[in-house]
Amino acid sequence: MDEDFSFSKQKEYLQKLILDLTKEGKDINEIMKTPFHFLIELLRERNKPKKVTSVMDLP
């Protein structure tokens, strides 16, 4: 498993995702009814490491 997607990071990312969704106007009850697997897939996409093709692309 990627270190960037460890269980502690998943928790951190999930909290941020839920806060972002509620700020965008999503009802917390709808978020809580969302299948957990779907939320994890959203987290993986949202926090996927970016591929760097050039030294100039590094942060």
C-alpha atoms as a PDB file:
ATOM      1  CA  MET A   1       0.000   0.000   0.000  1.00  0.00           C
ATOM      2  CA  ASP A   2       1.231   3.502  -0.758  1.00  0.00           C
ATOM      3  CA  GLU A   3       2.503   5.417   2.232  1.00  0.00           C
ATOM      4  CA  ASP A   4       0.476   8.418   1.018  1.00  0.00           C
ATOM      5  CA  PHE A   5      -2.673   6.327   1.362  1.00  0.00           C
ATOM      6  CA  SER A   6      -2.083   4.706   4.750  1.00  0.00           C
ATOM      7  CA  PHE A   7      -5.026   4.340   7.131  1.00  0.00           C
ATOM      8  CA  SER A   8      -4.128   7.530   9.006  1.00  0.00           C
ATOM      9  CA  LYS A   9      -3.887   9.437   5.719  1.00  0.00           C
ATOM     10  CA  GLN A  10      -7.210   7.956   4.562  1.00  0.00           C
ATOM     11  CA  LYS A  11      -8.831   9.307   7.710  1.00  0.00           C
ATOM     12  CA  GLU A  12      -7.294  12.740   7.158  1.00  0.00           C
ATOM     13  CA  TYR A  13      -8.321  12.789   3.483  1.00  0.00           C
ATOM     14  CA  LEU A  14     -11.841  11.570   4.318  1.00  0.00           C
ATOM     15  CA  GLN A  15     -12.337  14.332   6.885  1.00  0.00           C
ATOM     16  CA  LYS A  16     -11.206  16.943   4.359  1.00  0.00           C
ATOM     17  CA  LEU A  17     -13.459  15.473   1.648  1.00  0.00           C
ATOM     18  CA  ILE A  18     -16.509  15.540   3.937  1.00  0.00           C
ATOM     19  CA  LEU A  19     -15.787  19.125   5.013  1.00  0.00           C
ATOM     20  CA  ASP A  20     -15.349  20.184   1.380  1.00  0.00           C
ATOM     21  CA  LEU A  21     -18.607  18.501   0.338  1.00  0.00           C
ATOM     22  CA  THR A  22     -20.574  20.133   3.171  1.00  0.00           C
ATOM     23  CA  LYS A  23     -19.082  23.533   2.286  1.00  0.00           C
ATOM     24  CA  GLU A  24     -20.299  22.984  -1.283  1.00  0.00           C
ATOM     25  CA  GLY A  25     -23.833  22.514   0.061  1.00  0.00           C
ATOM     26  CA  LYS A  26     -24.081  18.716   0.166  1.00  0.00           C
ATOM     27  CA  ASP A  27     -26.291  17.440   2.993  1.00  0.00           C
ATOM     28  CA  ILE A  28     -24.302  15.497   5.598  1.00  0.00           C
ATOM     29  CA  ASN A  29     -26.989  12.784   5.661  1.00  0.00           C
ATOM     30  CA  GLU A  30     -26.504  12.203   1.922  1.00  0.00           C
ATOM     31  CA  ILE A  31     -22.746  11.991   2.409  1.00  0.00           C
ATOM     32  CA  MET A  32     -23.156   9.464   5.215  1.00  0.00           C
ATOM     33  CA  LYS A  33     -25.432   7.301   3.013  1.00  0.00           C
ATOM     34  CA  THR A  34     -22.800   7.206   0.256  1.00  0.00           C
ATOM     35  CA  PRO A  35     -21.168   3.766  -0.038  1.00  0.00           C
ATOM     36  CA  PHE A  36     -17.788   3.741   1.700  1.00  0.00           C
ATOM     37  CA  HIS A  37     -16.064   2.124  -1.285  1.00  0.00           C
ATOM     38  CA  PHE A  38     -17.178   5.019  -3.506  1.00  0.00           C
ATOM     39  CA  LEU A  39     -15.755   7.562  -1.054  1.00  0.00           C
ATOM     40  CA  ILE A  40     -12.442   5.701  -0.929  1.00  0.00           C
ATOM     41  CA  GLU A  41     -12.247   5.725  -4.731  1.00  0.00           C
ATOM     42  CA  LEU A  42     -12.901   9.487  -4.701  1.00  0.00           C
ATOM     43  CA  LEU A  43     -10.086   9.894  -2.192  1.00  0.00           C
ATOM     44  CA  ARG A  44      -7.700   7.853  -4.314  1.00  0.00           C
ATOM     45  CA  GLU A  45      -8.430   9.986  -7.376  1.00  0.00           C
ATOM     46  CA  ARG A  46      -8.287  13.238  -5.469  1.00  0.00           C
ATOM     47  CA  ASN A  47      -5.002  12.427  -3.711  1.00  0.00           C
ATOM     48  CA  LYS A  48      -3.252  10.535  -6.474  1.00  0.00           C
ATOM     49  CA  PRO A  49       0.450  11.404  -6.668  1.00  0.00           C
ATOM     50  CA  LYS A  50       1.172  13.561  -9.676  1.00  0.00           C
ATOM     51  CA  LYS A  51       3.606  12.153 -12.210  1.00  0.00           C
ATOM     52  CA  VAL A  52       6.540  14.428 -12.882  1.00  0.00           C
ATOM     53  CA  THR A  53       8.089  14.295 -16.320  1.00  0.00           C
ATOM     54  CA  SER A  54      10.530  17.159 -15.922  1.00  0.00           C
ATOM     55  CA  VAL A  55      12.676  18.663 -13.193  1.00  0.00           C
ATOM     56  CA  MET A  56      10.879  21.931 -13.891  1.00  0.00           C
ATOM     57  CA  ASP A  57       7.584  20.337 -12.763  1.00  0.00           C
ATOM     58  CA  LEU A  58       8.865  19.675  -9.244  1.00  0.00           C
ATOM     59  CA  PRO A  59       7.319  21.825  -6.491  1.00  0.00           C
END
